[in-house]
Amino acid sequence: MKKASKFEKTAARCWNLLNEGKPFTPIFTVGIMVIYSLSKLGDPSFLANFSLGLLAIVPMLIIYYLFDYPLFLRNYLWIPFTAYLIIWNNVNLGLLLTAIGLYFFFTVFFWGTFYYHLRIGTSWLNFTRFWKLVLKNSDSTSGNAQEQLPKFLLLLSLWNLVNTEHEWSGRELGILFLFYAGVLLFSWILHKNLFDWKPKIIPTYTSNVKERDSAINDKVIVMVIDGMRKERFEEANTPFLDFLRKNGTDYTRMETVYPARTVVCFSSMFTGTYPFEHGIKSNMVWKLGIKVESVFDSLRKIGKKGSLLAVAHLVDSFGKDVETYTAVMNNSIVDRSIIERAKNIMDEQNPDLQIVQLISTDQTGHSRGVLYDEYIQKIEEADSLIEEYFNWLKEKGKLDNYTFIVCADHGQADGIGGHGHLDEGERFVPFFMFGPAIAKGKSVEEKHSLVSMASTISYLLGAPFPDKSRGPVLIDAIRKEVIKE
């Protein structure tokens, strides 16, 4: 399997400008403004009017950047637009209809059909389903139509208002500034009183057990099935994963972090802390590299090696600790290729910690939806491939003293596999541990967080905890007699 090229890494970062909702809003809005203004390029006053209109939407762009408007809060985005219509009663239907048309062309045809066909081999007819997924989507991407529509309709209307009105009185400017202030206050009140479902931050650093001077395990293997929704996993026929759960320790209420985006989740899992501390706040990473130590840094301190086999996005967090693979591959064979690459890495490098990201389940959710049979089939495929890899490791003598962890980084909601805002299906993820040091047949009902991954791996391998690790070691999964040895 090919590594992700420099071009693919750059392309992935560029794509995130359009995929992530926050950068998409200004890019799309300004793009529509430019397209709609092409016929006026010869007008002497064009540049001044265009610039003035652009300046008029900057306060709103700042508000939209500061406040997420997640899940049901996005319904409140229509209130500022309604207020605009009441105050100014100025609508350019041609402009707004052009924007709506181009938005659905971008999401349904360019993204949902053309992009997915070229990247993962989705059918040219994918648009026949994708339009429904865009309308139902609840995550923080540009594909969240219920969030993006009221945003760009208001932004374009304000731009058009200022762009076409050449003379503004002091009173009119005052009303405009009061409008900005009102929307800002409105947003602050909504988020203070209604946005209350973020997971609680663990306030202290890992302290539930002392760091170990000696290792419990020679190896820890972590299989991350990206985007595996817990309830759909329960419905799937997964005999091998079920065996691991029943004969190991199953965490039934393992919670992901907010926002539940892949790069954020992986950064939290393998540093043990949250976005405010490690610095990765979305898949769009403006400044490369985590700000804190990772579990890979901890292992280096004791002369051990960790390997993360993952897509190009994760280079933005972990740099050279990532063994990349290309994500430009037919979705029917990508996980098979990842497993073969994982075997090569284990043969050639023999890492003490190996983390493998399987992506086909997540890609199927994003391109075809999570409530369809295709999604279940990808989970079942992952089960078969993980069983094959486990047996291969055993035959190679790599599982003499080990812990095997299987989890998802986040779940997926309805629509285009939504994840980010912790909608139903995103928040709690499958997470179970198996191995000779792990308690057999145990089910932990207490709520835990994926930020415990880094400290638990460090504990098992006898490494210090990463410097900002907050997650408690998952000590209740480890057999007491092993801890005392």
Protein backbone atom coordinates (compact mmCIF):
# COMPACT_ATOMS: atom_id res chain seq x y z
CA MET A 1 0.00 0.00 0.00
CA LYS A 2 1.35 3.43 -0.96
CA LYS A 3 2.18 6.07 1.61
CA ALA A 4 0.35 9.39 1.39
CA SER A 5 2.37 11.62 -0.94
CA LYS A 6 3.30 15.24 -0.21
CA PHE A 7 0.66 16.23 -2.76
CA GLU A 8 -2.01 14.19 -0.95
CA LYS A 9 -1.10 15.75 2.41
CA THR A 10 -1.34 19.23 0.90
CA ALA A 11 -4.57 18.36 -0.92
CA ALA A 12 -6.07 17.02 2.32
CA ARG A 13 -5.33 20.29 4.09
CA CYS A 14 -6.81 22.29 1.23
CA TRP A 15 -9.90 20.09 1.20
CA ASN A 16 -10.42 20.76 4.90
CA LEU A 17 -10.88 24.44 4.07
CA LEU A 18 -14.05 23.39 2.25
CA ASN A 19 -14.95 20.38 4.39
CA GLU A 20 -14.86 22.05 7.81
CA GLY A 21 -17.83 24.35 8.38
CA LYS A 22 -16.03 27.34 9.89
CA PRO A 23 -13.60 28.06 7.04
CA PHE A 24 -16.20 27.03 4.44
CA THR A 25 -18.68 29.76 5.42
CA PRO A 26 -16.47 32.76 4.52
CA ILE A 27 -14.88 31.03 1.52
CA PHE A 28 -18.23 30.09 -0.02
CA THR A 29 -19.87 33.43 0.76
CA VAL A 30 -17.05 35.51 -0.72
CA GLY A 31 -16.91 33.16 -3.70
CA ILE A 32 -20.61 33.75 -4.42
CA MET A 33 -20.06 37.49 -4.05
CA VAL A 34 -17.29 37.38 -6.64
CA ILE A 35 -19.27 35.21 -9.08
CA TYR A 36 -22.34 37.39 -8.80
CA SER A 37 -20.30 40.56 -9.33
CA LEU A 38 -18.46 39.51 -12.48
CA SER A 39 -20.87 41.42 -14.71
CA LYS A 40 -20.07 44.66 -12.86
CA LEU A 41 -16.32 44.56 -13.22
CA GLY A 42 -16.33 47.51 -15.64
CA ASP A 43 -18.25 49.76 -13.23
CA PRO A 44 -15.89 52.46 -11.80
CA SER A 45 -17.53 52.21 -8.38
CA PHE A 46 -17.49 48.40 -8.34
CA LEU A 47 -14.39 47.86 -6.24
CA ALA A 48 -15.36 50.41 -3.60
CA ASN A 49 -18.91 49.07 -3.27
CA PHE A 50 -17.75 45.45 -3.24
CA SER A 51 -15.15 46.18 -0.55
CA LEU A 52 -17.67 48.10 1.56
CA GLY A 53 -20.11 45.20 1.35
CA LEU A 54 -17.33 42.77 2.28
CA LEU A 55 -16.42 44.90 5.28
CA ALA A 56 -20.07 44.87 6.37
CA ILE A 57 -20.14 41.09 6.80
CA VAL A 58 -16.89 40.83 8.78
CA PRO A 59 -18.63 41.23 12.18
CA MET A 60 -21.02 38.41 11.31
CA LEU A 61 -18.18 36.18 10.14
CA ILE A 62 -16.48 36.71 13.50
CA ILE A 63 -19.67 35.79 15.36
CA TYR A 64 -20.08 32.64 13.26
CA TYR A 65 -16.47 31.70 13.99
CA LEU A 66 -16.83 32.20 17.74
CA PHE A 67 -20.12 30.32 18.13
CA ASP A 68 -20.70 26.80 16.81
CA TYR A 69 -24.54 26.69 16.74
CA PRO A 70 -24.47 22.88 17.16
CA LEU A 71 -27.38 20.47 16.70
CA PHE A 72 -30.76 22.02 17.58
CA LEU A 73 -29.16 25.44 18.11
CA ARG A 74 -28.78 25.73 14.35
CA ASN A 75 -32.55 26.26 14.17
CA TYR A 76 -31.98 29.59 15.93
CA LEU A 77 -29.79 30.76 13.03
CA TRP A 78 -32.98 31.64 11.15
CA ILE A 79 -33.91 34.26 13.76
CA PRO A 80 -31.14 36.77 12.78
CA PHE A 81 -32.07 36.29 9.11
CA THR A 82 -35.75 36.89 9.94
CA ALA A 83 -34.75 40.01 11.90
CA TYR A 84 -32.82 41.23 8.86
CA LEU A 85 -35.92 40.80 6.66
CA ILE A 86 -38.08 42.71 9.16
CA ILE A 87 -35.62 45.59 9.58
CA TRP A 88 -34.52 46.11 5.97
CA ASN A 89 -36.96 44.17 3.78
CA ASN A 90 -34.26 44.01 1.12
CA VAL A 91 -33.86 40.67 -0.68
CA ASN A 92 -32.02 39.90 -3.89
CA LEU A 93 -33.71 36.65 -4.92
CA GLY A 94 -31.36 36.11 -7.84
CA LEU A 95 -28.34 36.29 -5.55
CA LEU A 96 -29.81 34.00 -2.90
CA LEU A 97 -31.10 31.42 -5.38
CA THR A 98 -27.70 31.38 -7.09
CA ALA A 99 -26.06 30.70 -3.74
CA ILE A 100 -28.50 27.93 -2.83
CA GLY A 101 -28.05 26.29 -6.23
CA LEU A 102 -24.26 26.40 -6.07
CA TYR A 103 -24.25 25.14 -2.49
CA PHE A 104 -26.22 22.02 -3.37
CA PHE A 105 -24.13 21.55 -6.50
CA PHE A 106 -21.00 21.62 -4.35
CA THR A 107 -22.27 19.29 -1.62
CA VAL A 108 -24.37 16.84 -3.62
CA PHE A 109 -22.52 16.60 -6.94
CA PHE A 110 -18.95 17.83 -6.46
CA TRP A 111 -18.44 16.42 -2.96
CA GLY A 112 -20.97 13.61 -2.68
CA THR A 113 -20.53 12.25 -6.20
CA PHE A 114 -17.47 13.50 -8.12
CA TYR A 115 -15.07 13.67 -5.15
CA TYR A 116 -16.11 10.36 -3.63
CA HIS A 117 -16.02 8.62 -7.02
CA LEU A 118 -12.45 9.73 -7.69
CA ARG A 119 -11.22 9.10 -4.16
CA ILE A 120 -12.94 5.89 -3.01
CA GLY A 121 -14.80 4.60 -6.07
CA THR A 122 -18.35 5.54 -5.09
CA SER A 123 -20.93 5.24 -7.89
CA TRP A 124 -21.57 8.15 -10.26
CA LEU A 125 -25.19 7.87 -9.08
CA ASN A 126 -24.34 8.58 -5.45
CA PHE A 127 -26.12 11.94 -5.69
CA THR A 128 -29.45 10.08 -5.69
CA ARG A 129 -28.87 9.31 -2.02
CA PHE A 130 -26.43 12.01 -0.99
CA TRP A 131 -28.92 14.89 -1.27
CA LYS A 132 -30.98 13.30 1.51
CA LEU A 133 -27.90 12.81 3.65
CA VAL A 134 -26.92 16.50 3.34
CA LEU A 135 -30.36 17.61 4.52
CA LYS A 136 -30.20 15.31 7.57
CA ASN A 137 -26.57 15.97 8.46
CA SER A 138 -25.89 17.47 11.87
CA ASP A 139 -22.11 17.68 12.09
CA SER A 140 -19.71 20.60 11.90
CA THR A 141 -18.82 20.28 8.22
CA SER A 142 -19.90 22.27 5.18
CA GLY A 143 -22.33 19.45 4.43
CA ASN A 144 -24.57 20.59 7.28
CA ALA A 145 -27.19 22.31 5.11
CA GLN A 146 -29.41 23.32 8.03
CA GLU A 147 -26.49 25.30 9.47
CA GLN A 148 -24.89 26.68 6.33
CA LEU A 149 -28.06 27.91 4.57
CA PRO A 150 -29.16 30.51 7.14
CA LYS A 151 -25.57 31.64 7.58
CA PHE A 152 -24.75 32.42 3.97
CA LEU A 153 -28.23 33.76 3.19
CA LEU A 154 -27.82 36.39 5.90
CA LEU A 155 -24.23 37.19 4.96
CA LEU A 156 -25.10 37.64 1.29
CA SER A 157 -28.14 39.75 2.10
CA LEU A 158 -26.08 42.10 4.29
CA TRP A 159 -23.41 42.34 1.60
CA ASN A 160 -26.00 43.10 -1.08
CA LEU A 161 -27.69 45.70 1.16
CA VAL A 162 -24.49 47.65 1.76
CA ASN A 163 -23.17 47.05 -1.75
CA THR A 164 -26.25 48.58 -3.39
CA GLU A 165 -26.96 51.44 -0.98
CA HIS A 166 -24.45 54.18 -1.81
CA GLU A 167 -25.38 56.64 0.89
CA TRP A 168 -25.77 55.57 4.49
CA SER A 169 -27.00 58.00 7.13
CA GLY A 170 -25.74 57.93 10.69
CA ARG A 171 -29.07 56.49 11.81
CA GLU A 172 -28.85 53.62 9.32
CA LEU A 173 -25.29 52.83 10.38
CA GLY A 174 -26.43 52.84 13.99
CA ILE A 175 -29.17 50.32 13.21
CA LEU A 176 -26.61 48.11 11.45
CA PHE A 177 -24.27 48.15 14.44
CA LEU A 178 -27.17 47.46 16.79
CA PHE A 179 -28.03 44.48 14.60
CA TYR A 180 -24.49 43.10 14.99
CA ALA A 181 -24.60 43.67 18.75
CA GLY A 182 -27.99 42.01 18.97
CA VAL A 183 -26.84 38.90 17.12
CA LEU A 184 -23.73 38.70 19.31
CA LEU A 185 -25.78 38.97 22.51
CA PHE A 186 -28.36 36.53 21.15
CA SER A 187 -25.61 33.99 20.36
CA TRP A 188 -23.97 34.37 23.76
CA ILE A 189 -27.26 33.87 25.63
CA LEU A 190 -28.15 30.79 23.57
CA HIS A 191 -24.79 29.11 24.10
CA LYS A 192 -24.59 29.98 27.79
CA ASN A 193 -28.02 28.54 28.54
CA LEU A 194 -28.56 25.81 25.95
CA PHE A 195 -25.16 24.47 24.88
CA ASP A 196 -24.66 22.21 27.88
CA TRP A 197 -23.87 18.75 26.51
CA LYS A 198 -20.09 18.92 26.12
CA PRO A 199 -18.29 16.16 28.05
CA LYS A 200 -16.95 17.36 31.38
CA ILE A 201 -13.24 18.17 31.42
CA ILE A 202 -11.15 16.14 33.85
CA PRO A 203 -9.64 18.96 35.94
CA THR A 204 -6.46 17.23 37.17
CA TYR A 205 -3.63 15.32 35.57
CA THR A 206 -3.46 11.53 35.75
CA SER A 207 -3.09 10.56 39.39
CA ASN A 208 -5.32 7.56 40.09
CA VAL A 209 -2.25 5.28 40.03
CA LYS A 210 1.51 5.84 40.11
CA GLU A 211 3.62 5.49 37.00
CA ARG A 212 5.23 2.08 36.64
CA ASP A 213 8.96 1.43 36.55
CA SER A 214 8.42 -1.89 34.81
CA ALA A 215 6.19 -2.95 31.95
CA ILE A 216 3.16 -5.19 32.26
CA ASN A 217 3.14 -5.91 28.52
CA ASP A 218 5.75 -6.34 25.84
CA LYS A 219 3.30 -5.09 23.22
CA VAL A 220 0.10 -3.09 23.00
CA ILE A 221 -1.92 -3.25 19.79
CA VAL A 222 -4.70 -0.69 19.24
CA MET A 223 -7.18 -1.17 16.40
CA VAL A 224 -9.24 1.99 15.80
CA ILE A 225 -12.27 1.41 13.57
CA ASP A 226 -12.81 5.00 12.51
CA GLY A 227 -16.40 6.21 12.77
CA MET A 228 -17.93 2.98 14.08
CA ARG A 229 -21.32 3.83 15.60
CA LYS A 230 -21.90 1.81 18.77
CA GLU A 231 -25.51 0.81 18.16
CA ARG A 232 -24.76 -0.29 14.60
CA PHE A 233 -21.79 -2.31 15.87
CA GLU A 234 -24.18 -4.05 18.27
CA GLU A 235 -26.42 -4.95 15.31
CA ALA A 236 -23.61 -6.28 13.12
CA ASN A 237 -22.48 -9.90 12.95
CA THR A 238 -18.98 -9.60 14.46
CA PRO A 239 -18.05 -12.97 16.02
CA PHE A 240 -14.36 -12.18 16.62
CA LEU A 241 -14.88 -8.74 18.15
CA ASP A 242 -17.67 -10.21 20.27
CA PHE A 243 -15.22 -12.86 21.48
CA LEU A 244 -12.70 -10.19 22.51
CA ARG A 245 -15.39 -8.22 24.36
CA LYS A 246 -16.80 -11.20 26.24
CA ASN A 247 -13.37 -12.54 27.18
CA GLY A 248 -11.81 -9.20 28.04
CA THR A 249 -12.99 -5.97 29.64
CA ASP A 250 -15.72 -3.98 27.90
CA TYR A 251 -16.24 -0.28 28.65
CA THR A 252 -19.90 0.22 27.85
CA ARG A 253 -19.94 4.00 28.36
CA MET A 254 -16.72 5.16 26.76
CA GLU A 255 -17.13 8.79 25.70
CA THR A 256 -15.35 10.62 22.93
CA VAL A 257 -14.27 14.28 23.09
CA TYR A 258 -15.74 17.50 21.68
CA PRO A 259 -15.60 18.31 18.84
CA ALA A 260 -15.75 14.70 17.69
CA ARG A 261 -13.60 15.12 14.61
CA THR A 262 -11.02 12.48 13.68
CA VAL A 263 -7.85 14.54 14.14
CA VAL A 264 -9.17 15.97 17.41
CA CYS A 265 -10.11 12.53 18.75
CA PHE A 266 -6.79 10.90 17.87
CA SER A 267 -4.92 13.86 19.36
CA SER A 268 -6.86 13.49 22.61
CA MET A 269 -6.55 9.69 22.73
CA PHE A 270 -2.78 9.67 22.39
CA THR A 271 -1.92 12.75 24.47
CA GLY A 272 -4.48 12.14 27.21
CA THR A 273 -5.87 15.65 27.15
CA TYR A 274 -8.33 17.98 25.42
CA PRO A 275 -8.27 20.40 22.46
CA PHE A 276 -7.78 23.47 24.66
CA GLU A 277 -4.48 21.95 25.79
CA HIS A 278 -3.12 19.94 22.86
CA GLY A 279 -4.19 22.64 20.39
CA ILE A 280 -6.00 20.54 17.75
CA LYS A 281 -9.56 21.87 17.56
CA SER A 282 -10.83 20.47 14.25
CA ASN A 283 -9.63 18.52 11.23
CA MET A 284 -8.50 21.89 9.88
CA VAL A 285 -5.16 22.33 11.66
CA TRP A 286 -3.88 25.88 11.29
CA LYS A 287 -0.66 25.28 13.22
CA LEU A 288 0.86 21.85 12.71
CA GLY A 289 1.79 19.64 15.63
CA ILE A 290 0.35 19.02 19.08
CA LYS A 291 1.46 21.38 21.86
CA VAL A 292 1.99 18.65 24.45
CA GLU A 293 3.71 15.29 24.79
CA SER A 294 2.18 12.23 23.17
CA VAL A 295 2.38 8.59 24.15
CA PHE A 296 5.06 8.25 21.46
CA ASP A 297 7.20 10.79 23.35
CA SER A 298 6.66 8.84 26.57
CA LEU A 299 7.82 5.61 24.95
CA ARG A 300 10.94 7.28 23.53
CA LYS A 301 11.97 8.23 27.09
CA ILE A 302 12.40 4.54 27.92
CA GLY A 303 13.81 3.48 24.56
CA LYS A 304 10.62 1.99 23.16
CA LYS A 305 8.93 2.60 19.84
CA GLY A 306 5.36 3.43 18.90
CA SER A 307 3.83 3.33 15.41
CA LEU A 308 0.61 4.96 14.18
CA LEU A 309 -0.58 3.72 10.79
CA ALA A 310 -3.11 6.30 9.64
CA VAL A 311 -4.38 8.67 6.97
CA ALA A 312 -2.53 11.83 5.97
CA HIS A 313 -4.71 14.06 8.19
CA LEU A 314 -3.00 12.75 11.32
CA VAL A 315 0.43 13.96 10.22
CA ASP A 316 -0.89 17.40 11.14
CA SER A 317 -0.97 16.29 14.79
CA PHE A 318 1.75 13.70 15.21
CA GLY A 319 4.22 14.44 12.42
CA LYS A 320 6.85 11.75 11.88
CA ASP A 321 5.22 9.39 14.37
CA VAL A 322 2.59 8.65 11.69
CA GLU A 323 3.16 5.96 9.08
CA THR A 324 0.77 7.29 6.45
CA TYR A 325 -1.23 5.42 3.87
CA THR A 326 -3.02 6.86 0.89
CA ALA A 327 -6.74 7.42 1.30
CA VAL A 328 -7.18 7.58 -2.47
CA MET A 329 -8.22 3.98 -2.92
CA ASN A 330 -11.39 2.07 -3.67
CA ASN A 331 -13.34 1.70 -0.44
CA SER A 332 -13.84 -2.02 -1.08
CA ILE A 333 -10.12 -2.76 -0.65
CA VAL A 334 -8.70 0.01 1.53
CA ASP A 335 -8.96 -1.77 4.91
CA ARG A 336 -7.47 -4.95 3.42
CA SER A 337 -4.50 -2.87 2.20
CA ILE A 338 -4.13 -1.25 5.63
CA ILE A 339 -3.92 -4.64 7.34
CA GLU A 340 -1.25 -5.80 4.88
CA ARG A 341 0.74 -2.63 5.58
CA ALA A 342 0.34 -3.20 9.34
CA LYS A 343 1.90 -6.65 8.90
CA ASN A 344 4.86 -5.13 7.04
CA ILE A 345 5.44 -2.58 9.79
CA MET A 346 5.32 -5.23 12.49
CA ASP A 347 7.73 -7.44 10.53
CA GLU A 348 10.21 -4.66 9.72
CA GLN A 349 10.03 -2.43 12.82
CA ASN A 350 8.53 -4.62 15.56
CA PRO A 351 7.09 -1.61 17.48
CA ASP A 352 6.19 -1.96 21.16
CA LEU A 353 2.99 -0.01 20.47
CA GLN A 354 1.16 -0.34 17.19
CA ILE A 355 -1.94 1.73 16.43
CA VAL A 356 -3.86 0.96 13.23
CA GLN A 357 -6.66 3.13 11.85
CA LEU A 358 -9.20 1.32 9.67
CA ILE A 359 -11.17 3.86 7.61
CA SER A 360 -13.63 2.03 5.38
CA THR A 361 -16.48 2.11 7.94
CA ASP A 362 -16.12 5.86 8.37
CA GLN A 363 -15.89 6.49 4.62
CA THR A 364 -18.99 4.41 4.00
CA GLY A 365 -20.90 6.41 6.60
CA HIS A 366 -19.83 9.67 4.99
CA SER A 367 -20.59 8.63 1.43
CA ARG A 368 -23.57 6.31 1.84
CA GLY A 369 -25.01 6.99 5.31
CA VAL A 370 -24.92 5.02 8.56
CA LEU A 371 -28.48 3.67 8.51
CA TYR A 372 -27.98 1.50 5.42
CA ASP A 373 -26.76 -2.07 5.02
CA GLU A 374 -23.46 -0.97 3.45
CA TYR A 375 -22.37 0.50 6.77
CA ILE A 376 -23.09 -2.71 8.68
CA GLN A 377 -21.19 -4.69 6.05
CA LYS A 378 -18.06 -2.56 6.58
CA ILE A 379 -18.15 -3.20 10.32
CA GLU A 380 -18.41 -6.91 9.63
CA GLU A 381 -15.51 -6.64 7.19
CA ALA A 382 -13.42 -4.95 9.88
CA ASP A 383 -14.23 -7.82 12.24
CA SER A 384 -12.89 -10.35 9.75
CA LEU A 385 -9.73 -8.35 9.02
CA ILE A 386 -8.94 -7.77 12.69
CA GLU A 387 -9.34 -11.50 13.35
CA GLU A 388 -6.94 -12.23 10.49
CA TYR A 389 -4.40 -9.75 11.85
CA PHE A 390 -4.72 -11.09 15.40
CA ASN A 391 -4.07 -14.65 14.19
CA TRP A 392 -1.13 -13.46 12.06
CA LEU A 393 0.41 -11.75 15.09
CA LYS A 394 -0.05 -14.93 17.11
CA GLU A 395 1.60 -17.08 14.44
CA LYS A 396 4.54 -14.65 14.30
CA GLY A 397 5.04 -14.89 18.06
CA LYS A 398 4.11 -11.24 18.63
CA LEU A 399 1.39 -12.01 21.18
CA ASP A 400 3.33 -13.71 23.96
CA ASN A 401 2.66 -10.86 26.41
CA TYR A 402 0.30 -8.26 25.01
CA THR A 403 -2.86 -6.19 25.36
CA PHE A 404 -5.17 -5.86 22.37
CA ILE A 405 -7.47 -2.80 22.35
CA VAL A 406 -10.33 -2.24 19.91
CA CYS A 407 -12.26 1.04 19.80
CA ALA A 408 -13.72 3.79 17.64
CA ASP A 409 -12.50 7.38 17.75
CA HIS A 410 -16.05 8.69 17.44
CA GLY A 411 -19.44 7.42 16.37
CA GLN A 412 -21.54 8.71 13.51
CA ALA A 413 -24.91 10.41 13.39
CA ASP A 414 -27.56 10.32 10.67
CA GLY A 415 -27.08 12.00 7.33
CA ILE A 416 -23.59 11.95 5.84
CA GLY A 417 -22.09 10.12 8.76
CA GLY A 418 -22.18 13.27 10.83
CA HIS A 419 -19.70 13.63 13.67
CA GLY A 420 -18.47 16.68 15.48
CA HIS A 421 -21.27 18.08 17.61
CA LEU A 422 -22.03 14.85 19.56
CA ASP A 423 -25.40 14.11 18.07
CA GLU A 424 -27.08 10.78 18.84
CA GLY A 425 -24.79 7.99 17.68
CA GLU A 426 -21.57 10.00 18.02
CA ARG A 427 -20.90 10.36 21.73
CA PHE A 428 -20.35 6.85 23.11
CA VAL A 429 -18.04 4.48 21.26
CA PRO A 430 -17.14 0.79 21.40
CA PHE A 431 -14.07 0.21 23.58
CA PHE A 432 -12.76 -3.09 24.90
CA MET A 433 -9.44 -4.59 25.99
CA PHE A 434 -8.21 -8.16 25.72
CA GLY A 435 -5.09 -10.03 26.73
CA PRO A 436 -3.43 -12.08 29.48
CA ALA A 437 -3.17 -9.05 31.78
CA ILE A 438 -6.79 -7.97 31.23
CA ALA A 439 -9.69 -9.04 33.43
CA LYS A 440 -11.82 -11.63 31.68
CA GLY A 441 -15.56 -11.25 31.16
CA LYS A 442 -15.73 -7.85 32.85
CA SER A 443 -18.12 -5.05 31.90
CA VAL A 444 -17.45 -1.54 33.21
CA GLU A 445 -20.65 0.51 33.31
CA GLU A 446 -19.13 3.70 34.72
CA LYS A 447 -18.61 6.55 32.24
CA HIS A 448 -15.03 6.91 31.00
CA SER A 449 -13.32 9.05 28.38
CA LEU A 450 -11.05 8.27 25.45
CA VAL A 451 -8.49 10.61 27.03
CA SER A 452 -7.63 7.62 29.26
CA MET A 453 -6.04 5.83 26.31
CA ALA A 454 -2.60 7.49 26.56
CA SER A 455 -2.10 6.93 30.29
CA THR A 456 -3.34 3.33 30.06
CA ILE A 457 -0.92 2.48 27.23
CA SER A 458 1.93 4.14 29.13
CA TYR A 459 1.07 2.17 32.26
CA LEU A 460 0.96 -1.15 30.40
CA LEU A 461 4.33 -0.51 28.72
CA GLY A 462 6.06 0.93 31.80
CA ALA A 463 6.45 4.44 30.38
CA PRO A 464 5.84 7.80 32.10
CA PHE A 465 2.50 9.43 31.41
CA PRO A 466 2.52 12.19 28.76
CA ASP A 467 3.15 15.53 30.48
CA LYS A 468 -0.46 16.80 30.17
CA SER A 469 -2.25 13.47 30.47
CA ARG A 470 -5.53 13.93 32.35
CA GLY A 471 -7.27 10.63 31.69
CA PRO A 472 -7.15 8.14 34.58
CA VAL A 473 -5.48 4.82 33.84
CA LEU A 474 -8.16 2.22 33.08
CA ILE A 475 -6.92 0.27 36.05
CA ASP A 476 -10.16 -1.67 36.58
CA ALA A 477 -9.44 -3.59 33.37
CA ILE A 478 -6.06 -4.86 34.58
CA ARG A 479 -5.92 -8.01 36.70
CA LYS A 480 -4.88 -7.19 40.28
CA GLU A 481 -2.35 -9.99 40.51
CA VAL A 482 -0.59 -8.62 37.41
CA ILE A 483 -0.36 -5.12 38.90
CA LYS A 484 1.36 -6.50 42.01
CA GLU A 485 4.03 -8.37 40.06
